[in-house]
PDB file of all heavy atoms in Angstrom:
ATOM      1  N   LEU A   1       0.860  -1.200  -0.077  1.00  0.00           N
ATOM      2  CA  LEU A   1       0.025  -0.020  -0.009  1.00  0.00           C
ATOM      3  C   LEU A   1       0.891   1.198   0.076  1.00  0.00           C
ATOM      4  O   LEU A   1       0.469   2.236  -0.698  1.00  0.00           O
ATOM      5  CB  LEU A   1      -1.015  -0.064   1.274  1.00  0.00           C
ATOM      6  CG  LEU A   1      -2.060  -0.911   1.191  1.00  0.00           C
ATOM      7  CD1 LEU A   1      -2.883  -0.982   2.473  1.00  0.00           C
ATOM      8  CD2 LEU A   1      -3.137  -0.374   0.073  1.00  0.00           C
ATOM      9  N   ASP A   2       1.995   1.124   0.763  1.00  0.00           N
ATOM     10  CA  ASP A   2       2.845   2.378   0.848  1.00  0.00           C
ATOM     11  C   ASP A   2       3.697   2.566  -0.395  1.00  0.00           C
ATOM     12  O   ASP A   2       3.782   3.720  -0.892  1.00  0.00           O
ATOM     13  CB  ASP A   2       3.689   2.268   2.133  1.00  0.00           C
ATOM     14  CG  ASP A   2       4.567   3.447   2.283  1.00  0.00           C
ATOM     15  OD1 ASP A   2       4.105   4.580   2.175  1.00  0.00           O
ATOM     16  OD2 ASP A   2       5.694   3.304   2.590  1.00  0.00           O
ATOM     17  N   LYS A   3       4.346   1.446  -0.887  1.00  0.00           N
ATOM     18  CA  LYS A   3       5.361   1.541  -1.869  1.00  0.00           C
ATOM     19  C   LYS A   3       4.873   1.406  -3.380  1.00  0.00           C
ATOM     20  O   LYS A   3       5.271   1.979  -4.220  1.00  0.00           O
ATOM     21  CB  LYS A   3       6.435   0.535  -1.633  1.00  0.00           C
ATOM     22  CG  LYS A   3       7.223   0.772  -0.332  1.00  0.00           C
ATOM     23  CD  LYS A   3       7.833   2.127  -0.161  1.00  0.00           C
ATOM     24  CE  LYS A   3       8.539   2.175   1.200  1.00  0.00           C
ATOM     25  NZ  LYS A   3       9.026   3.449   1.529  1.00  0.00           N
ATOM     26  N   ARG A   4       3.757   0.544  -3.405  1.00  0.00           N
ATOM     27  CA  ARG A   4       3.256   0.299  -4.810  1.00  0.00           C
ATOM     28  C   ARG A   4       1.609   0.220  -4.674  1.00  0.00           C
ATOM     29  O   ARG A   4       1.089  -0.867  -4.772  1.00  0.00           O
ATOM     30  CB  ARG A   4       3.686  -1.094  -5.369  1.00  0.00           C
ATOM     31  CG  ARG A   4       5.157  -1.156  -5.718  1.00  0.00           C
ATOM     32  CD  ARG A   4       5.552  -2.316  -6.303  1.00  0.00           C
ATOM     33  NE  ARG A   4       5.274  -3.486  -5.500  1.00  0.00           N
ATOM     34  CZ  ARG A   4       5.585  -4.770  -5.679  1.00  0.00           C
ATOM     35  NH1 ARG A   4       6.122  -5.097  -6.795  1.00  0.00           N
ATOM     36  NH2 ARG A   4       5.208  -5.712  -4.776  1.00  0.00           N
ATOM     37  N   PRO A   5       1.104   1.262  -4.385  1.00  0.00           N
ATOM     38  CA  PRO A   5      -0.307   1.369  -4.132  1.00  0.00           C
ATOM     39  C   PRO A   5      -1.125   0.816  -5.402  1.00  0.00           C
ATOM     40  O   PRO A   5      -0.750   1.058  -6.459  1.00  0.00           O
ATOM     41  CB  PRO A   5      -0.625   2.768  -3.790  1.00  0.00           C
ATOM     42  CG  PRO A   5       0.533   3.572  -4.281  1.00  0.00           C
ATOM     43  CD  PRO A   5       1.722   2.684  -4.356  1.00  0.00           C
ATOM     44  N   PRO A   6      -2.152   0.083  -4.985  1.00  0.00           N
ATOM     45  CA  PRO A   6      -3.148  -0.392  -6.196  1.00  0.00           C
ATOM     46  C   PRO A   6      -3.488   0.788  -6.934  1.00  0.00           C
ATOM     47  O   PRO A   6      -3.829   1.960  -6.503  1.00  0.00           O
ATOM     48  CB  PRO A   6      -4.263  -0.948  -5.341  1.00  0.00           C
ATOM     49  CG  PRO A   6      -3.753  -1.268  -3.980  1.00  0.00           C
ATOM     50  CD  PRO A   6      -2.780  -0.211  -3.755  1.00  0.00           C
ATOM     51  N   GLN A   7      -3.761   0.639  -8.264  1.00  0.00           N
ATOM     52  CA  GLN A   7      -4.070   1.665  -9.238  1.00  0.00           C
ATOM     53  C   GLN A   7      -5.571   1.668  -9.495  1.00  0.00           C
ATOM     54  O   GLN A   7      -6.129   2.648  -9.959  1.00  0.00           O
ATOM     55  CB  GLN A   7      -3.272   1.445 -10.585  1.00  0.00           C
ATOM     56  CG  GLN A   7      -1.762   1.562 -10.305  1.00  0.00           C
ATOM     57  CD  GLN A   7      -1.398   2.804  -9.741  1.00  0.00           C
ATOM     58  OE1 GLN A   7      -1.568   3.942 -10.226  1.00  0.00           O
ATOM     59  NE2 GLN A   7      -0.600   2.900  -8.628  1.00  0.00           N
ATOM     60  N   THR A   8      -6.359   0.575  -9.065  1.00  0.00           N
ATOM     61  CA  THR A   8      -7.730   0.492  -9.279  1.00  0.00           C
ATOM     62  C   THR A   8      -8.502   0.066  -8.001  1.00  0.00           C
ATOM     63  O   THR A   8      -7.713  -0.508  -7.124  1.00  0.00           O
ATOM     64  CB  THR A   8      -8.076  -0.328 -10.386  1.00  0.00           C
ATOM     65  OG1 THR A   8      -7.737  -1.744 -10.065  1.00  0.00           O
ATOM     66  CG2 THR A   8      -7.457  -0.048 -11.819  1.00  0.00           C
ATOM     67  N   ILE A   9      -9.743   0.333  -7.930  1.00  0.00           N
ATOM     68  CA  ILE A   9     -10.541  -0.121  -6.838  1.00  0.00           C
ATOM     69  C   ILE A   9     -10.534  -1.686  -6.766  1.00  0.00           C
ATOM     70  O   ILE A   9     -10.340  -2.331  -5.764  1.00  0.00           O
ATOM     71  CB  ILE A   9     -11.989   0.319  -6.896  1.00  0.00           C
ATOM     72  CG1 ILE A   9     -12.087   1.832  -6.723  1.00  0.00           C
ATOM     73  CG2 ILE A   9     -12.906  -0.318  -5.833  1.00  0.00           C
ATOM     74  CD1 ILE A   9     -11.669   2.317  -5.366  1.00  0.00           C
ATOM     75  N   GLU A  10     -10.494  -2.291  -8.047  1.00  0.00           N
ATOM     76  CA  GLU A  10     -10.529  -3.796  -8.052  1.00  0.00           C
ATOM     77  C   GLU A  10      -9.217  -4.416  -7.479  1.00  0.00           C
ATOM     78  O   GLU A  10      -9.170  -5.372  -6.716  1.00  0.00           O
ATOM     79  CB  GLU A  10     -10.628  -4.295  -9.538  1.00  0.00           C
ATOM     80  CG  GLU A  10     -12.064  -4.118 -10.018  1.00  0.00           C
ATOM     81  CD  GLU A  10     -12.339  -2.584 -10.568  1.00  0.00           C
ATOM     82  OE1 GLU A  10     -11.308  -1.765 -10.851  1.00  0.00           O
ATOM     83  OE2 GLU A  10     -13.449  -2.278 -10.543  1.00  0.00           O
ATOM     84  N   GLU A  11      -8.151  -3.632  -7.736  1.00  0.00           N
ATOM     85  CA  GLU A  11      -6.841  -4.120  -7.234  1.00  0.00           C
ATOM     86  C   GLU A  11      -6.821  -3.962  -5.685  1.00  0.00           C
ATOM     87  O   GLU A  11      -6.205  -4.808  -4.934  1.00  0.00           O
ATOM     88  CB  GLU A  11      -5.659  -3.226  -7.774  1.00  0.00           C
ATOM     89  CG  GLU A  11      -5.235  -3.665  -9.208  1.00  0.00           C
ATOM     90  CD  GLU A  11      -4.141  -2.788  -9.753  1.00  0.00           C
ATOM     91  OE1 GLU A  11      -3.445  -2.188  -8.926  1.00  0.00           O
ATOM     92  OE2 GLU A  11      -4.005  -2.722 -11.004  1.00  0.00           O
ATOM     93  N   LEU A  12      -7.263  -2.759  -5.199  1.00  0.00           N
ATOM     94  CA  LEU A  12      -7.397  -2.611  -3.832  1.00  0.00           C
ATOM     95  C   LEU A  12      -8.224  -3.645  -3.065  1.00  0.00           C
ATOM     96  O   LEU A  12      -7.876  -4.214  -2.097  1.00  0.00           O
ATOM     97  CB  LEU A  12      -7.971  -1.213  -3.511  1.00  0.00           C
ATOM     98  CG  LEU A  12      -8.045  -0.781  -2.036  1.00  0.00           C
ATOM     99  CD1 LEU A  12      -6.708  -0.682  -1.400  1.00  0.00           C
ATOM    100  CD2 LEU A  12      -8.706   0.568  -1.890  1.00  0.00           C
ATOM    101  N   LEU A  13      -9.457  -3.860  -3.630  1.00  0.00           N
ATOM    102  CA  LEU A  13     -10.314  -4.889  -3.061  1.00  0.00           C
ATOM    103  C   LEU A  13      -9.702  -6.312  -3.117  1.00  0.00           C
ATOM    104  O   LEU A  13      -9.873  -7.142  -2.261  1.00  0.00           O
ATOM    105  CB  LEU A  13     -11.702  -4.805  -3.739  1.00  0.00           C
ATOM    106  CG  LEU A  13     -12.515  -3.506  -3.484  1.00  0.00           C
ATOM    107  CD1 LEU A  13     -13.833  -3.613  -4.340  1.00  0.00           C
ATOM    108  CD2 LEU A  13     -12.892  -3.461  -2.028  1.00  0.00           C
ATOM    109  N   GLY A  14      -8.883  -6.629  -4.159  1.00  0.00           N
ATOM    110  CA  GLY A  14      -8.150  -7.877  -4.273  1.00  0.00           C
ATOM    111  C   GLY A  14      -7.251  -8.015  -3.106  1.00  0.00           C
ATOM    112  O   GLY A  14      -7.053  -9.025  -2.445  1.00  0.00           O
ATOM    113  N   LEU A  15      -6.507  -6.916  -2.841  1.00  0.00           N
ATOM    114  CA  LEU A  15      -5.457  -6.925  -1.772  1.00  0.00           C
ATOM    115  C   LEU A  15      -6.226  -7.149  -0.445  1.00  0.00           C
ATOM    116  O   LEU A  15      -5.770  -7.897   0.432  1.00  0.00           O
ATOM    117  CB  LEU A  15      -4.721  -5.673  -1.816  1.00  0.00           C
ATOM    118  CG  LEU A  15      -3.642  -5.637  -0.652  1.00  0.00           C
ATOM    119  CD1 LEU A  15      -2.549  -6.504  -0.951  1.00  0.00           C
ATOM    120  CD2 LEU A  15      -3.010  -4.068  -0.805  1.00  0.00           C
ATOM    121  N   GLU A  16      -7.381  -6.393  -0.225  1.00  0.00           N
ATOM    122  CA  GLU A  16      -8.142  -6.442   0.893  1.00  0.00           C
ATOM    123  C   GLU A  16      -8.687  -7.942   1.154  1.00  0.00           C
ATOM    124  O   GLU A  16      -8.642  -8.383   2.173  1.00  0.00           O
ATOM    125  CB  GLU A  16      -9.310  -5.514   0.919  1.00  0.00           C
ATOM    126  CG  GLU A  16     -10.141  -5.440   2.167  1.00  0.00           C
ATOM    127  CD  GLU A  16     -11.287  -6.275   2.231  1.00  0.00           C
ATOM    128  OE1 GLU A  16     -11.808  -6.806   1.091  1.00  0.00           O
ATOM    129  OE2 GLU A  16     -11.783  -6.562   3.311  1.00  0.00           O
ATOM    130  N   GLY A  17      -9.080  -8.527   0.053  1.00  0.00           N
ATOM    131  CA  GLY A  17      -9.693  -9.947   0.090  1.00  0.00           C
ATOM    132  C   GLY A  17      -8.582 -10.897   0.497  1.00  0.00           C
ATOM    133  O   GLY A  17      -8.783 -11.852   1.381  1.00  0.00           O
ATOM    134  N   ASN A  18      -7.418 -10.717   0.049  1.00  0.00           N
ATOM    135  CA  ASN A  18      -6.124 -11.588   0.306  1.00  0.00           C
ATOM    136  C   ASN A  18      -5.835 -11.360   1.833  1.00  0.00           C
ATOM    137  O   ASN A  18      -5.540 -12.356   2.477  1.00  0.00           O
ATOM    138  CB  ASN A  18      -5.069 -11.378  -0.622  1.00  0.00           C
ATOM    139  CG  ASN A  18      -5.297 -11.867  -2.006  1.00  0.00           C
ATOM    140  OD1 ASN A  18      -6.067 -12.672  -2.191  1.00  0.00           O
ATOM    141  ND2 ASN A  18      -4.624 -11.238  -2.938  1.00  0.00           N
ATOM    142  N   CYS A  19      -5.870 -10.118   2.184  1.00  0.00           N
ATOM    143  CA  CYS A  19      -5.517  -9.952   3.660  1.00  0.00           C
ATOM    144  C   CYS A  19      -6.611 -10.448   4.613  1.00  0.00           C
ATOM    145  O   CYS A  19      -6.321 -11.160   5.648  1.00  0.00           O
ATOM    146  CB  CYS A  19      -5.504  -8.429   3.857  1.00  0.00           C
ATOM    147  SG  CYS A  19      -4.083  -7.582   3.186  1.00  0.00           S
ATOM    148  N   ALA A  20      -7.859 -10.460   4.098  1.00  0.00           N
ATOM    149  CA  ALA A  20      -8.923 -11.097   5.005  1.00  0.00           C
ATOM    150  C   ALA A  20      -8.694 -12.465   5.120  1.00  0.00           C
ATOM    151  O   ALA A  20      -8.867 -13.216   6.035  1.00  0.00           O
ATOM    152  CB  ALA A  20     -10.316 -10.719   4.420  1.00  0.00           C
ATOM    153  N   ALA A  21      -8.454 -13.277   3.863  1.00  0.00           N
ATOM    154  CA  ALA A  21      -8.135 -14.697   3.841  1.00  0.00           C
ATOM    155  C   ALA A  21      -7.005 -15.049   4.770  1.00  0.00           C
ATOM    156  O   ALA A  21      -7.051 -15.903   5.606  1.00  0.00           O
ATOM    157  CB  ALA A  21      -7.839 -15.040   2.515  1.00  0.00           C
ATOM    158  N   ALA A  22      -5.962 -14.312   4.823  1.00  0.00           N
ATOM    159  CA  ALA A  22      -4.708 -14.567   5.714  1.00  0.00           C
ATOM    160  C   ALA A  22      -5.110 -14.347   7.212  1.00  0.00           C
ATOM    161  O   ALA A  22      -4.699 -15.133   8.053  1.00  0.00           O
ATOM    162  CB  ALA A  22      -3.551 -13.594   5.320  1.00  0.00           C
ATOM    163  N   TYR A  23      -5.783 -13.305   7.471  1.00  0.00           N
ATOM    164  CA  TYR A  23      -6.358 -12.988   8.773  1.00  0.00           C
ATOM    165  C   TYR A  23      -7.232 -14.127   9.269  1.00  0.00           C
ATOM    166  O   TYR A  23      -6.973 -14.650  10.526  1.00  0.00           O
ATOM    167  CB  TYR A  23      -7.152 -11.776   8.769  1.00  0.00           C
ATOM    168  CG  TYR A  23      -7.962 -11.366   9.958  1.00  0.00           C
ATOM    169  CD1 TYR A  23      -7.176 -10.834  11.095  1.00  0.00           C
ATOM    170  CD2 TYR A  23      -9.331 -11.593  10.008  1.00  0.00           C
ATOM    171  CE1 TYR A  23      -7.900 -10.523  12.395  1.00  0.00           C
ATOM    172  CE2 TYR A  23      -9.925 -11.163  11.329  1.00  0.00           C
ATOM    173  CZ  TYR A  23      -9.275 -10.693  12.275  1.00  0.00           C
ATOM    174  OH  TYR A  23      -9.981 -10.430  13.461  1.00  0.00           O
ATOM    175  N   PHE A  24      -8.173 -14.634   8.520  1.00  0.00           N
ATOM    176  CA  PHE A  24      -9.084 -15.740   8.998  1.00  0.00           C
ATOM    177  C   PHE A  24      -8.377 -17.028   9.117  1.00  0.00           C
ATOM    178  O   PHE A  24      -8.820 -17.888   9.835  1.00  0.00           O
ATOM    179  CB  PHE A  24     -10.397 -15.742   8.278  1.00  0.00           C
ATOM    180  CG  PHE A  24     -11.394 -14.651   8.878  1.00  0.00           C
ATOM    181  CD1 PHE A  24     -11.688 -13.497   8.064  1.00  0.00           C
ATOM    182  CD2 PHE A  24     -11.864 -14.806  10.089  1.00  0.00           C
ATOM    183  CE1 PHE A  24     -12.465 -12.623   8.542  1.00  0.00           C
ATOM    184  CE2 PHE A  24     -12.730 -13.789  10.627  1.00  0.00           C
ATOM    185  CZ  PHE A  24     -13.039 -12.740   9.798  1.00  0.00           C
ATOM    186  N   ARG A  25      -7.367 -17.174   8.277  1.00  0.00           N
ATOM    187  CA  ARG A  25      -6.501 -18.430   8.422  1.00  0.00           C
ATOM    188  C   ARG A  25      -5.884 -18.526   9.754  1.00  0.00           C
ATOM    189  O   ARG A  25      -5.674 -19.601  10.442  1.00  0.00           O
ATOM    190  CB  ARG A  25      -5.461 -18.528   7.405  1.00  0.00           C
ATOM    191  CG  ARG A  25      -5.889 -19.121   6.056  1.00  0.00           C
ATOM    192  CD  ARG A  25      -4.821 -19.396   5.097  1.00  0.00           C
ATOM    193  NE  ARG A  25      -3.923 -18.291   4.616  1.00  0.00           N
ATOM    194  CZ  ARG A  25      -4.250 -17.603   3.701  1.00  0.00           C
ATOM    195  NH1 ARG A  25      -5.336 -17.733   3.005  1.00  0.00           N
ATOM    196  NH2 ARG A  25      -3.402 -16.564   3.440  1.00  0.00           N
ATOM    197  N   ALA A  26      -5.516 -17.389  10.327  1.00  0.00           N
ATOM    198  CA  ALA A  26      -4.928 -17.310  11.641  1.00  0.00           C
ATOM    199  C   ALA A  26      -5.943 -17.693  12.749  1.00  0.00           C
ATOM    200  O   ALA A  26      -5.448 -18.127  13.850  1.00  0.00           O
ATOM    201  CB  ALA A  26      -4.452 -15.855  12.002  1.00  0.00           C
ATOM    202  N   TRP A  27      -7.225 -17.601  12.384  1.00  0.00           N
ATOM    203  CA  TRP A  27      -8.208 -17.943  13.484  1.00  0.00           C
ATOM    204  C   TRP A  27      -8.279 -19.536  13.681  1.00  0.00           C
ATOM    205  O   TRP A  27      -8.961 -19.920  14.440  1.00  0.00           O
ATOM    206  CB  TRP A  27      -9.559 -17.515  12.990  1.00  0.00           C
ATOM    207  CG  TRP A  27      -9.933 -16.010  13.385  1.00  0.00           C
ATOM    208  CD1 TRP A  27      -9.117 -14.898  12.952  1.00  0.00           C
ATOM    209  CD2 TRP A  27     -10.889 -15.469  14.294  1.00  0.00           C
ATOM    210  NE1 TRP A  27      -9.704 -13.779  13.526  1.00  0.00           N
ATOM    211  CE2 TRP A  27     -10.801 -14.143  14.206  1.00  0.00           C
ATOM    212  CE3 TRP A  27     -11.891 -16.086  15.033  1.00  0.00           C
ATOM    213  CZ2 TRP A  27     -11.602 -13.356  15.054  1.00  0.00           C
ATOM    214  CZ3 TRP A  27     -12.680 -15.249  15.845  1.00  0.00           C
ATOM    215  CH2 TRP A  27     -12.488 -14.000  15.724  1.00  0.00           C
ATOM    216  N   ARG A  28      -7.664 -20.200  12.769  1.00  0.00           N
ATOM    217  CA  ARG A  28      -7.763 -21.742  12.766  1.00  0.00           C
ATOM    218  C   ARG A  28      -7.251 -22.316  14.166  1.00  0.00           C
ATOM    219  O   ARG A  28      -7.553 -23.349  14.548  1.00  0.00           O
ATOM    220  CB  ARG A  28      -6.811 -22.259  11.673  1.00  0.00           C
ATOM    221  CG  ARG A  28      -7.583 -22.127  10.384  1.00  0.00           C
ATOM    222  CD  ARG A  28      -6.823 -22.831   9.244  1.00  0.00           C
ATOM    223  NE  ARG A  28      -7.562 -22.714   7.991  1.00  0.00           N
ATOM    224  CZ  ARG A  28      -7.047 -22.953   6.844  1.00  0.00           C
ATOM    225  NH1 ARG A  28      -5.814 -23.392   6.750  1.00  0.00           N
ATOM    226  NH2 ARG A  28      -7.692 -22.724   5.694  1.00  0.00           N
ATOM    227  N   SER A  29      -6.470 -21.403  14.910  1.00  0.00           N
ATOM    228  CA  SER A  29      -5.930 -21.864  16.245  1.00  0.00           C
ATOM    229  C   SER A  29      -7.082 -21.707  17.233  1.00  0.00           C
ATOM    230  O   SER A  29      -6.810 -22.193  18.318  1.00  0.00           O
ATOM    231  CB  SER A  29      -4.709 -21.070  16.593  1.00  0.00           C
ATOM    232  OG  SER A  29      -4.994 -19.659  16.764  1.00  0.00           O
ATOM    233  N   VAL A  30      -8.114 -21.058  16.845  1.00  0.00           N
ATOM    234  CA  VAL A  30      -9.234 -20.812  17.962  1.00  0.00           C
ATOM    235  C   VAL A  30     -10.071 -22.027  18.022  1.00  0.00           C
ATOM    236  O   VAL A  30     -10.696 -22.584  17.012  1.00  0.00           O
ATOM    237  CB  VAL A  30     -10.057 -19.635  17.550  1.00  0.00           C
ATOM    238  CG1 VAL A  30     -11.169 -19.411  18.495  1.00  0.00           C
ATOM    239  CG2 VAL A  30      -9.184 -18.328  17.368  1.00  0.00           C
ATOM    240  N   THR A  31     -10.201 -22.555  19.190  1.00  0.00           N
ATOM    241  CA  THR A  31     -11.108 -23.677  19.341  1.00  0.00           C
ATOM    242  C   THR A  31     -12.108 -23.315  20.532  1.00  0.00           C
ATOM    243  O   THR A  31     -11.865 -22.343  21.354  1.00  0.00           O
ATOM    244  CB  THR A  31     -10.373 -25.076  19.876  1.00  0.00           C
ATOM    245  OG1 THR A  31      -9.629 -24.596  21.117  1.00  0.00           O
ATOM    246  CG2 THR A  31      -9.401 -25.597  18.770  1.00  0.00           C
ATOM    247  N   LEU A  32     -13.255 -23.952  20.465  1.00  0.00           N
ATOM    248  CA  LEU A  32     -14.321 -23.689  21.526  1.00  0.00           C
ATOM    249  C   LEU A  32     -14.192 -24.577  22.607  1.00  0.00           C
ATOM    250  O   LEU A  32     -13.797 -25.809  22.437  1.00  0.00           O
ATOM    251  CB  LEU A  32     -15.599 -23.858  20.964  1.00  0.00           C
ATOM    252  CG  LEU A  32     -16.010 -22.918  19.746  1.00  0.00           C
ATOM    253  CD1 LEU A  32     -17.355 -23.021  19.165  1.00  0.00           C
ATOM    254  CD2 LEU A  32     -15.775 -21.427  20.157  1.00  0.00           C
ATOM    255  N   ALA A  33     -14.373 -24.206  23.972  1.00  0.00           N
ATOM    256  CA  ALA A  33     -14.473 -25.055  25.063  1.00  0.00           C
ATOM    257  C   ALA A  33     -15.860 -25.478  25.224  1.00  0.00           C
ATOM    258  O   ALA A  33     -16.740 -24.588  25.123  1.00  0.00           O
ATOM    259  CB  ALA A  33     -13.954 -24.201  26.263  1.00  0.00           C
ATOM    260  N   TRP A  34     -16.036 -26.574  25.438  1.00  0.00           N
ATOM    261  CA  TRP A  34     -17.441 -27.170  25.518  1.00  0.00           C
ATOM    262  C   TRP A  34     -17.621 -27.710  27.030  1.00  0.00           C
ATOM    263  O   TRP A  34     -16.751 -28.383  27.601  1.00  0.00           O
ATOM    264  CB  TRP A  34     -17.652 -28.273  24.570  1.00  0.00           C
ATOM    265  CG  TRP A  34     -17.592 -27.789  23.227  1.00  0.00           C
ATOM    266  CD1 TRP A  34     -16.561 -27.825  22.247  1.00  0.00           C
ATOM    267  CD2 TRP A  34     -18.677 -27.356  22.437  1.00  0.00           C
ATOM    268  NE1 TRP A  34     -16.813 -27.187  21.104  1.00  0.00           N
ATOM    269  CE2 TRP A  34     -18.157 -26.919  21.100  1.00  0.00           C
ATOM    270  CE3 TRP A  34     -19.917 -26.917  22.791  1.00  0.00           C
ATOM    271  CZ2 TRP A  34     -18.962 -26.235  20.272  1.00  0.00           C
ATOM    272  CZ3 TRP A  34     -20.718 -26.132  21.792  1.00  0.00           C
ATOM    273  CH2 TRP A  34     -20.255 -25.987  20.476  1.00  0.00           C
ATOM    274  N   LYS A  35     -18.734 -27.531  27.615  1.00  0.00           N
ATOM    275  CA  LYS A  35     -19.138 -28.057  28.875  1.00  0.00           C
ATOM    276  C   LYS A  35     -19.139 -29.614  28.700  1.00  0.00           C
ATOM    277  O   LYS A  35     -19.533 -30.043  27.683  1.00  0.00           O
ATOM    278  CB  LYS A  35     -20.359 -27.561  29.465  1.00  0.00           C
ATOM    279  CG  LYS A  35     -20.308 -26.094  29.795  1.00  0.00           C
ATOM    280  CD  LYS A  35     -21.626 -25.484  30.229  1.00  0.00           C
ATOM    281  CE  LYS A  35     -21.400 -23.984  30.642  1.00  0.00           C
ATOM    282  NZ  LYS A  35     -22.543 -23.404  31.079  1.00  0.00           N
ATOM    283  N   ILE A  36     -18.749 -30.390  29.758  1.00  0.00           N
ATOM    284  CA  ILE A  36     -18.552 -31.715  29.649  1.00  0.00           C
ATOM    285  C   ILE A  36     -19.858 -32.457  29.140  1.00  0.00           C
ATOM    286  O   ILE A  36     -19.766 -33.289  28.214  1.00  0.00           O
ATOM    287  CB  ILE A  36     -18.179 -32.339  31.017  1.00  0.00           C
ATOM    288  CG1 ILE A  36     -16.718 -31.970  31.223  1.00  0.00           C
ATOM    289  CG2 ILE A  36     -18.198 -33.908  30.987  1.00  0.00           C
ATOM    290  CD1 ILE A  36     -16.281 -32.241  32.686  1.00  0.00           C
TER     291      ILE A  36
END
């Protein structure tokens, strides 16, 4: 974003989508605790 900013809205949204995918991949470590 700082050095080679996207030139179109589509490029910006593509970058945002890839960031969202990476972000939610990090959520894979989240597990739920269940009552016995």
